[in-house]
Amino acid sequence: MRPLYGFSPIASAHSHVLILGSMPSVASLQAQQYYAHPRNAFWPIQQALWGIADQASYAERVQILQAKGVAVWDVLASCKREGSLDSAIEGDSVVVNNFESFFAEYQQIKAIFFNGATAENYFKKYVLLKPSFVFYRLPSTSPAHASLSFEQKLAKWQQIKHYV
């Protein structure tokens, strides 16, 4: 099995918060866009939080997040995995993104929001934590995480607004 490789971060000089996923899904990798699976709630939640129009292109959504001070990235730079489920990630294949360089460049980031437990677990296992950060685990926006309704997920994701 060949390794999968993630994306460059969405970030700007205005970024105050970082949303971290684990690794892009098959649909995201094919589309070369974060959270491209049509049933993933990430973009609908961002639309509700920031007033992004339903018809906004991916590039427009990215620009709005950057303008709002929101950065998006994944904990993993690469891994081996069959399908899209985090549970299918082969643990010995994990390569973590270079957070030392990222945080050196984006020093104004003060809060990290994990899009689900897997992202948080990999981050805490492999990345040296900066004590001045605030950390929040949010419910995963993945369609595989269906225990909460969209409205319940959105209510939890509202916390981001306090940091931008």
N, C-alpha and C. Protein backbone atom coordinates (compact mmCIF):
# COMPACT_ATOMS: atom_id res chain seq x y z
N MET A 1 0.85 -1.18 0.00
CA MET A 1 0.00 0.00 0.00
C MET A 1 0.89 1.24 0.00
N ARG A 2 0.54 2.19 -0.87
CA ARG A 2 1.31 3.43 -0.97
C ARG A 2 0.87 4.43 0.09
N PRO A 3 1.79 5.28 0.52
CA PRO A 3 1.39 6.31 1.48
C PRO A 3 0.48 7.35 0.84
N LEU A 4 -0.39 7.91 1.66
CA LEU A 4 -1.24 9.04 1.27
C LEU A 4 -0.58 10.29 1.83
N TYR A 5 -0.71 11.39 1.10
CA TYR A 5 -0.10 12.65 1.54
C TYR A 5 -1.18 13.71 1.68
N GLY A 6 -1.11 14.46 2.77
CA GLY A 6 -2.07 15.52 3.04
C GLY A 6 -1.76 16.78 2.28
N PHE A 7 -2.40 17.86 2.69
CA PHE A 7 -2.33 19.15 2.01
C PHE A 7 -1.51 20.16 2.80
N SER A 8 -1.13 21.22 2.12
CA SER A 8 -0.55 22.38 2.80
C SER A 8 -1.64 23.01 3.66
N PRO A 9 -1.24 23.73 4.69
CA PRO A 9 -2.26 24.36 5.54
C PRO A 9 -2.96 25.52 4.84
N ILE A 10 -4.17 25.75 5.28
CA ILE A 10 -4.88 26.99 4.96
C ILE A 10 -4.55 27.90 6.14
N ALA A 11 -3.84 28.97 5.91
CA ALA A 11 -3.46 29.87 7.00
C ALA A 11 -3.09 31.22 6.41
N SER A 12 -3.12 32.23 7.26
CA SER A 12 -2.73 33.57 6.84
C SER A 12 -2.11 34.29 8.03
N ALA A 13 -1.60 35.46 7.75
CA ALA A 13 -1.02 36.28 8.82
C ALA A 13 -2.06 36.66 9.87
N HIS A 14 -3.34 36.51 9.54
CA HIS A 14 -4.44 36.85 10.46
C HIS A 14 -4.90 35.66 11.30
N SER A 15 -4.32 34.49 11.11
CA SER A 15 -4.80 33.29 11.80
C SER A 15 -4.59 33.38 13.31
N HIS A 16 -5.68 33.18 14.04
CA HIS A 16 -5.64 33.15 15.50
C HIS A 16 -6.00 31.78 16.05
N VAL A 17 -6.72 31.00 15.24
CA VAL A 17 -7.11 29.65 15.65
C VAL A 17 -6.70 28.67 14.56
N LEU A 18 -6.46 27.44 14.98
CA LEU A 18 -6.12 26.38 14.06
C LEU A 18 -7.09 25.23 14.27
N ILE A 19 -7.72 24.81 13.20
CA ILE A 19 -8.57 23.62 13.22
C ILE A 19 -7.75 22.48 12.64
N LEU A 20 -7.61 21.41 13.42
CA LEU A 20 -6.80 20.27 12.99
C LEU A 20 -7.67 19.03 12.80
N GLY A 21 -7.58 18.47 11.60
CA GLY A 21 -8.14 17.15 11.35
C GLY A 21 -7.02 16.13 11.46
N SER A 22 -7.34 14.90 11.11
CA SER A 22 -6.32 13.85 11.16
C SER A 22 -5.62 13.71 9.82
N MET A 23 -6.36 13.34 8.77
CA MET A 23 -5.82 13.10 7.44
C MET A 23 -6.98 13.24 6.46
N PRO A 24 -6.77 13.84 5.27
CA PRO A 24 -7.87 13.99 4.32
C PRO A 24 -8.47 12.65 3.90
N SER A 25 -9.78 12.67 3.68
CA SER A 25 -10.49 11.48 3.22
C SER A 25 -10.15 11.19 1.76
N VAL A 26 -10.60 10.05 1.28
CA VAL A 26 -10.40 9.69 -0.12
C VAL A 26 -11.03 10.76 -1.02
N ALA A 27 -12.26 11.20 -0.69
CA ALA A 27 -12.93 12.23 -1.49
C ALA A 27 -12.14 13.53 -1.49
N SER A 28 -11.60 13.90 -0.35
CA SER A 28 -10.81 15.14 -0.26
C SER A 28 -9.52 15.03 -1.07
N LEU A 29 -8.86 13.88 -0.98
CA LEU A 29 -7.63 13.69 -1.73
C LEU A 29 -7.91 13.73 -3.24
N GLN A 30 -9.01 13.13 -3.67
CA GLN A 30 -9.36 13.15 -5.09
C GLN A 30 -9.67 14.58 -5.56
N ALA A 31 -10.38 15.33 -4.74
CA ALA A 31 -10.76 16.70 -5.10
C ALA A 31 -9.64 17.71 -4.82
N GLN A 32 -8.63 17.30 -4.04
CA GLN A 32 -7.57 18.20 -3.60
C GLN A 32 -8.14 19.41 -2.85
N GLN A 33 -9.10 19.11 -1.96
CA GLN A 33 -9.75 20.12 -1.13
C GLN A 33 -10.00 19.54 0.26
N TYR A 34 -9.81 20.37 1.26
CA TYR A 34 -10.17 19.95 2.60
C TYR A 34 -11.66 19.68 2.69
N TYR A 35 -12.03 18.59 3.36
CA TYR A 35 -13.41 18.26 3.69
C TYR A 35 -14.34 18.25 2.47
N ALA A 36 -13.91 17.53 1.43
CA ALA A 36 -14.65 17.51 0.16
C ALA A 36 -15.79 16.50 0.14
N HIS A 37 -15.84 15.56 1.08
CA HIS A 37 -16.94 14.59 1.06
C HIS A 37 -18.25 15.34 1.20
N PRO A 38 -19.23 15.08 0.34
CA PRO A 38 -20.47 15.86 0.36
C PRO A 38 -21.27 15.74 1.66
N ARG A 39 -21.06 14.69 2.44
CA ARG A 39 -21.81 14.56 3.70
C ARG A 39 -21.00 15.01 4.91
N ASN A 40 -19.77 15.48 4.69
CA ASN A 40 -19.00 16.01 5.80
C ASN A 40 -19.59 17.36 6.19
N ALA A 41 -19.76 17.58 7.48
CA ALA A 41 -20.42 18.80 7.97
C ALA A 41 -19.47 19.99 8.13
N PHE A 42 -18.18 19.81 7.81
CA PHE A 42 -17.23 20.90 8.04
C PHE A 42 -17.64 22.19 7.34
N TRP A 43 -17.85 22.14 6.03
CA TRP A 43 -18.16 23.38 5.32
C TRP A 43 -19.54 23.93 5.67
N PRO A 44 -20.56 23.10 5.84
CA PRO A 44 -21.83 23.66 6.32
C PRO A 44 -21.71 24.35 7.69
N ILE A 45 -20.88 23.79 8.57
CA ILE A 45 -20.66 24.45 9.87
C ILE A 45 -19.94 25.77 9.67
N GLN A 46 -18.91 25.80 8.84
CA GLN A 46 -18.19 27.05 8.58
C GLN A 46 -19.11 28.08 7.93
N GLN A 47 -19.98 27.62 7.05
CA GLN A 47 -20.95 28.54 6.42
C GLN A 47 -21.84 29.17 7.48
N ALA A 48 -22.31 28.35 8.41
CA ALA A 48 -23.18 28.87 9.47
C ALA A 48 -22.42 29.81 10.42
N LEU A 49 -21.19 29.49 10.73
CA LEU A 49 -20.40 30.32 11.65
C LEU A 49 -20.03 31.67 11.06
N TRP A 50 -19.65 31.68 9.79
CA TRP A 50 -19.04 32.87 9.20
C TRP A 50 -19.88 33.52 8.10
N GLY A 51 -21.09 33.04 7.88
CA GLY A 51 -21.94 33.64 6.87
C GLY A 51 -21.47 33.39 5.45
N ILE A 52 -20.85 32.26 5.21
CA ILE A 52 -20.38 31.91 3.86
C ILE A 52 -21.57 31.47 3.03
N ALA A 53 -21.68 32.01 1.84
CA ALA A 53 -22.80 31.67 0.96
C ALA A 53 -22.72 30.21 0.52
N ASP A 54 -23.90 29.59 0.39
CA ASP A 54 -23.96 28.18 -0.05
C ASP A 54 -23.25 27.96 -1.37
N GLN A 55 -23.35 28.91 -2.27
CA GLN A 55 -22.79 28.75 -3.61
C GLN A 55 -21.33 29.18 -3.71
N ALA A 56 -20.72 29.55 -2.60
CA ALA A 56 -19.31 29.99 -2.62
C ALA A 56 -18.42 28.85 -3.10
N SER A 57 -17.46 29.19 -3.93
CA SER A 57 -16.50 28.20 -4.41
C SER A 57 -15.56 27.82 -3.26
N TYR A 58 -14.81 26.76 -3.47
CA TYR A 58 -13.83 26.34 -2.47
C TYR A 58 -12.83 27.48 -2.21
N ALA A 59 -12.34 28.11 -3.27
CA ALA A 59 -11.38 29.21 -3.12
C ALA A 59 -11.98 30.36 -2.31
N GLU A 60 -13.24 30.67 -2.53
CA GLU A 60 -13.91 31.74 -1.78
C GLU A 60 -14.06 31.35 -0.31
N ARG A 61 -14.42 30.09 -0.03
CA ARG A 61 -14.56 29.64 1.36
C ARG A 61 -13.22 29.73 2.08
N VAL A 62 -12.15 29.31 1.39
CA VAL A 62 -10.81 29.39 1.97
C VAL A 62 -10.45 30.84 2.29
N GLN A 63 -10.71 31.75 1.37
CA GLN A 63 -10.40 33.16 1.59
C GLN A 63 -11.16 33.72 2.78
N ILE A 64 -12.41 33.33 2.95
CA ILE A 64 -13.20 33.82 4.07
C ILE A 64 -12.64 33.30 5.39
N LEU A 65 -12.28 32.02 5.44
CA LEU A 65 -11.68 31.49 6.66
C LEU A 65 -10.40 32.25 7.00
N GLN A 66 -9.57 32.49 6.00
CA GLN A 66 -8.32 33.22 6.24
C GLN A 66 -8.61 34.63 6.75
N ALA A 67 -9.59 35.29 6.17
CA ALA A 67 -9.95 36.65 6.60
C ALA A 67 -10.49 36.66 8.03
N LYS A 68 -11.15 35.58 8.42
CA LYS A 68 -11.71 35.48 9.78
C LYS A 68 -10.67 35.07 10.82
N GLY A 69 -9.47 34.71 10.37
CA GLY A 69 -8.42 34.31 11.31
C GLY A 69 -8.41 32.83 11.62
N VAL A 70 -9.00 32.02 10.73
CA VAL A 70 -9.09 30.58 10.94
C VAL A 70 -8.11 29.86 10.03
N ALA A 71 -7.26 29.04 10.61
CA ALA A 71 -6.34 28.19 9.86
C ALA A 71 -6.87 26.75 9.91
N VAL A 72 -6.57 25.99 8.87
CA VAL A 72 -7.01 24.59 8.78
C VAL A 72 -5.82 23.76 8.33
N TRP A 73 -5.63 22.63 9.00
CA TRP A 73 -4.56 21.72 8.62
C TRP A 73 -4.90 20.35 9.17
N ASP A 74 -4.03 19.39 8.94
CA ASP A 74 -4.17 18.05 9.50
C ASP A 74 -2.94 17.73 10.33
N VAL A 75 -3.10 16.88 11.31
CA VAL A 75 -1.98 16.48 12.13
C VAL A 75 -1.00 15.65 11.31
N LEU A 76 -1.53 14.79 10.47
CA LEU A 76 -0.67 13.88 9.71
C LEU A 76 -0.29 14.46 8.36
N ALA A 77 0.99 14.37 8.04
CA ALA A 77 1.48 14.74 6.71
C ALA A 77 1.28 13.58 5.75
N SER A 78 1.44 12.36 6.27
CA SER A 78 1.23 11.17 5.44
C SER A 78 0.96 9.97 6.33
N CYS A 79 0.37 8.96 5.71
CA CYS A 79 0.11 7.70 6.38
C CYS A 79 -0.33 6.68 5.33
N LYS A 80 -0.44 5.45 5.76
CA LYS A 80 -1.05 4.42 4.92
C LYS A 80 -2.41 4.09 5.52
N ARG A 81 -3.40 4.00 4.63
CA ARG A 81 -4.76 3.77 5.10
C ARG A 81 -5.59 3.24 3.93
N GLU A 82 -6.38 2.23 4.17
CA GLU A 82 -7.38 1.76 3.20
C GLU A 82 -8.65 2.53 3.47
N GLY A 83 -9.21 3.18 2.47
CA GLY A 83 -10.45 3.92 2.65
C GLY A 83 -10.21 5.24 3.37
N SER A 84 -11.25 5.72 4.04
CA SER A 84 -11.20 7.04 4.66
C SER A 84 -11.25 7.03 6.18
N LEU A 85 -11.55 5.91 6.78
CA LEU A 85 -11.74 5.89 8.23
C LEU A 85 -10.42 6.06 8.98
N ASP A 86 -10.46 6.90 10.01
CA ASP A 86 -9.27 7.09 10.86
C ASP A 86 -8.82 5.78 11.48
N SER A 87 -9.77 4.90 11.78
CA SER A 87 -9.43 3.63 12.41
C SER A 87 -8.62 2.73 11.48
N ALA A 88 -8.59 3.04 10.19
CA ALA A 88 -7.83 2.23 9.23
C ALA A 88 -6.40 2.74 9.04
N ILE A 89 -6.02 3.82 9.71
CA ILE A 89 -4.66 4.34 9.59
C ILE A 89 -3.69 3.34 10.21
N GLU A 90 -2.66 2.97 9.45
CA GLU A 90 -1.63 2.06 9.96
C GLU A 90 -0.68 2.87 10.85
N GLY A 91 -0.69 2.56 12.12
CA GLY A 91 0.06 3.34 13.09
C GLY A 91 1.53 3.50 12.80
N ASP A 92 2.17 2.47 12.26
CA ASP A 92 3.61 2.56 12.01
C ASP A 92 3.93 3.34 10.73
N SER A 93 2.91 3.79 10.01
CA SER A 93 3.14 4.55 8.77
C SER A 93 2.97 6.06 8.96
N VAL A 94 2.62 6.47 10.16
CA VAL A 94 2.27 7.86 10.44
C VAL A 94 3.49 8.77 10.37
N VAL A 95 3.34 9.87 9.61
CA VAL A 95 4.33 10.95 9.59
C VAL A 95 3.56 12.23 9.93
N VAL A 96 4.02 12.93 10.95
CA VAL A 96 3.32 14.11 11.45
C VAL A 96 3.82 15.36 10.72
N ASN A 97 2.93 16.31 10.51
CA ASN A 97 3.31 17.58 9.90
C ASN A 97 4.32 18.32 10.78
N ASN A 98 5.03 19.27 10.18
CA ASN A 98 6.07 20.03 10.88
C ASN A 98 5.42 21.21 11.61
N PHE A 99 4.97 20.94 12.82
CA PHE A 99 4.29 21.98 13.60
C PHE A 99 5.26 23.02 14.15
N GLU A 100 6.49 22.63 14.37
CA GLU A 100 7.48 23.61 14.86
C GLU A 100 7.61 24.76 13.86
N SER A 101 7.76 24.44 12.60
CA SER A 101 7.86 25.48 11.56
C SER A 101 6.55 26.24 11.43
N PHE A 102 5.43 25.51 11.48
CA PHE A 102 4.13 26.15 11.33
C PHE A 102 3.90 27.19 12.43
N PHE A 103 4.13 26.79 13.68
CA PHE A 103 3.89 27.72 14.78
C PHE A 103 4.93 28.86 14.82
N ALA A 104 6.11 28.62 14.28
CA ALA A 104 7.10 29.70 14.17
C ALA A 104 6.62 30.75 13.16
N GLU A 105 5.98 30.30 12.10
CA GLU A 105 5.47 31.22 11.09
C GLU A 105 4.17 31.90 11.51
N TYR A 106 3.31 31.16 12.19
CA TYR A 106 1.99 31.68 12.57
C TYR A 106 1.94 31.81 14.10
N GLN A 107 2.71 32.74 14.62
CA GLN A 107 2.87 32.89 16.06
C GLN A 107 1.64 33.45 16.76
N GLN A 108 0.71 34.01 16.01
CA GLN A 108 -0.48 34.60 16.62
C GLN A 108 -1.56 33.56 16.94
N ILE A 109 -1.36 32.31 16.53
CA ILE A 109 -2.33 31.26 16.85
C ILE A 109 -2.27 30.98 18.35
N LYS A 110 -3.43 31.04 18.98
CA LYS A 110 -3.51 30.85 20.43
C LYS A 110 -4.41 29.69 20.83
N ALA A 111 -5.27 29.23 19.90
CA ALA A 111 -6.20 28.16 20.23
C ALA A 111 -6.18 27.12 19.12
N ILE A 112 -6.21 25.86 19.54
CA ILE A 112 -6.25 24.74 18.61
C ILE A 112 -7.53 23.96 18.85
N PHE A 113 -8.27 23.76 17.77
CA PHE A 113 -9.52 23.02 17.81
C PHE A 113 -9.35 21.73 17.02
N PHE A 114 -9.56 20.61 17.68
CA PHE A 114 -9.42 19.32 17.02
C PHE A 114 -10.76 18.89 16.44
N ASN A 115 -10.76 18.53 15.16
CA ASN A 115 -11.95 18.03 14.51
C ASN A 115 -12.03 16.53 14.79
N GLY A 116 -12.40 16.21 16.01
CA GLY A 116 -12.55 14.83 16.43
C GLY A 116 -11.41 14.33 17.29
N ALA A 117 -11.61 13.16 17.87
CA ALA A 117 -10.68 12.57 18.84
C ALA A 117 -9.38 12.10 18.20
N THR A 118 -9.43 11.57 16.98
CA THR A 118 -8.22 11.04 16.37
C THR A 118 -7.18 12.13 16.16
N ALA A 119 -7.62 13.28 15.67
CA ALA A 119 -6.69 14.40 15.49
C ALA A 119 -6.06 14.79 16.82
N GLU A 120 -6.87 14.88 17.85
CA GLU A 120 -6.34 15.23 19.16
C GLU A 120 -5.35 14.19 19.67
N ASN A 121 -5.70 12.92 19.51
CA ASN A 121 -4.83 11.86 20.02
C ASN A 121 -3.48 11.84 19.31
N TYR A 122 -3.48 11.98 17.98
CA TYR A 122 -2.21 12.01 17.25
C TYR A 122 -1.38 13.24 17.62
N PHE A 123 -2.04 14.37 17.76
CA PHE A 123 -1.33 15.60 18.12
C PHE A 123 -0.67 15.44 19.49
N LYS A 124 -1.41 14.96 20.45
CA LYS A 124 -0.87 14.82 21.81
C LYS A 124 0.23 13.75 21.88
N LYS A 125 0.15 12.76 21.00
CA LYS A 125 1.16 11.70 21.01
C LYS A 125 2.47 12.13 20.36
N TYR A 126 2.38 12.93 19.29
CA TYR A 126 3.57 13.21 18.47
C TYR A 126 4.06 14.65 18.47
N VAL A 127 3.28 15.59 18.97
CA VAL A 127 3.65 16.99 18.86
C VAL A 127 3.90 17.57 20.24
N LEU A 128 5.02 18.25 20.40
CA LEU A 128 5.33 18.92 21.65
C LEU A 128 4.34 20.06 21.85
N LEU A 129 3.65 20.06 22.95
CA LEU A 129 2.62 21.05 23.20
C LEU A 129 3.21 22.35 23.72
N LYS A 130 2.71 23.44 23.18
CA LYS A 130 3.10 24.77 23.65
C LYS A 130 2.12 25.15 24.77
N PRO A 131 2.59 25.39 25.97
CA PRO A 131 1.67 25.60 27.09
C PRO A 131 0.74 26.80 26.94
N SER A 132 1.10 27.75 26.10
CA SER A 132 0.24 28.94 25.98
C SER A 132 -0.98 28.70 25.09
N PHE A 133 -1.05 27.55 24.43
CA PHE A 133 -2.22 27.26 23.59
C PHE A 133 -3.41 26.83 24.44
N VAL A 134 -4.58 27.11 23.92
CA VAL A 134 -5.82 26.58 24.47
C VAL A 134 -6.25 25.46 23.52
N PHE A 135 -6.66 24.32 24.06
CA PHE A 135 -7.03 23.17 23.24
C PHE A 135 -8.49 22.80 23.47
N TYR A 136 -9.18 22.49 22.37
CA TYR A 136 -10.56 22.04 22.43
C TYR A 136 -10.75 20.88 21.47
N ARG A 137 -11.36 19.82 21.95
CA ARG A 137 -11.78 18.77 21.02
C ARG A 137 -13.24 19.02 20.66
N LEU A 138 -13.49 19.16 19.39
CA LEU A 138 -14.84 19.36 18.88
C LEU A 138 -15.35 18.06 18.29
N PRO A 139 -16.66 17.91 18.19
CA PRO A 139 -17.17 16.69 17.57
C PRO A 139 -16.76 16.64 16.10
N SER A 140 -16.37 15.47 15.67
CA SER A 140 -15.95 15.28 14.29
C SER A 140 -17.06 15.65 13.32
N THR A 141 -16.67 16.29 12.24
CA THR A 141 -17.63 16.65 11.19
C THR A 141 -17.82 15.52 10.19
N SER A 142 -17.09 14.44 10.36
CA SER A 142 -17.16 13.30 9.46
C SER A 142 -18.56 12.69 9.43
N PRO A 143 -19.00 12.23 8.25
CA PRO A 143 -20.29 11.53 8.21
C PRO A 143 -20.26 10.22 9.01
N ALA A 144 -19.08 9.70 9.29
CA ALA A 144 -18.98 8.49 10.11
C ALA A 144 -19.33 8.77 11.58
N HIS A 145 -19.27 10.01 11.99
CA HIS A 145 -19.61 10.41 13.36
C HIS A 145 -21.03 10.95 13.37
N ALA A 146 -21.98 10.04 13.45
CA ALA A 146 -23.39 10.42 13.32
C ALA A 146 -24.15 10.42 14.64
N SER A 147 -23.44 10.36 15.76
CA SER A 147 -24.13 10.32 17.04
C SER A 147 -24.72 11.68 17.44
N LEU A 148 -24.25 12.75 16.81
CA LEU A 148 -24.78 14.08 17.07
C LEU A 148 -25.42 14.62 15.80
N SER A 149 -26.46 15.40 15.96
CA SER A 149 -27.10 16.05 14.81
C SER A 149 -26.23 17.22 14.35
N PHE A 150 -26.53 17.73 13.18
CA PHE A 150 -25.82 18.91 12.67
C PHE A 150 -25.94 20.06 13.67
N GLU A 151 -27.13 20.29 14.19
CA GLU A 151 -27.36 21.40 15.12
C GLU A 151 -26.53 21.23 16.40
N GLN A 152 -26.41 20.00 16.89
CA GLN A 152 -25.61 19.75 18.09
C GLN A 152 -24.12 20.00 17.81
N LYS A 153 -23.66 19.55 16.64
CA LYS A 153 -22.27 19.80 16.27
C LYS A 153 -22.02 21.30 16.13
N LEU A 154 -22.91 22.00 15.44
CA LEU A 154 -22.76 23.44 15.24
C LEU A 154 -22.69 24.16 16.59
N ALA A 155 -23.51 23.78 17.53
CA ALA A 155 -23.50 24.42 18.85
C ALA A 155 -22.13 24.29 19.52
N LYS A 156 -21.51 23.12 19.40
CA LYS A 156 -20.18 22.92 19.99
C LYS A 156 -19.11 23.71 19.23
N TRP A 157 -19.25 23.78 17.90
CA TRP A 157 -18.27 24.48 17.08
C TRP A 157 -18.33 25.99 17.26
N GLN A 158 -19.37 26.52 17.87
CA GLN A 158 -19.50 27.97 18.11
C GLN A 158 -18.35 28.50 18.96
N GLN A 159 -17.70 27.62 19.73
CA GLN A 159 -16.58 28.05 20.61
C GLN A 159 -15.48 28.78 19.85
N ILE A 160 -15.31 28.43 18.58
CA ILE A 160 -14.25 29.04 17.79
C ILE A 160 -14.40 30.56 17.73
N LYS A 161 -15.63 31.03 17.70
CA LYS A 161 -15.89 32.46 17.54
C LYS A 161 -15.30 33.28 18.69
N HIS A 162 -15.07 32.68 19.84
CA HIS A 162 -14.51 33.40 20.98
C HIS A 162 -13.03 33.73 20.81
N TYR A 163 -12.39 33.11 19.83
CA TYR A 163 -10.93 33.27 19.67
C TYR A 163 -10.53 34.01 18.41
N VAL A 164 -11.48 34.43 17.60
CA VAL A 164 -11.13 35.17 16.37
C VAL A 164 -11.56 36.62 16.48
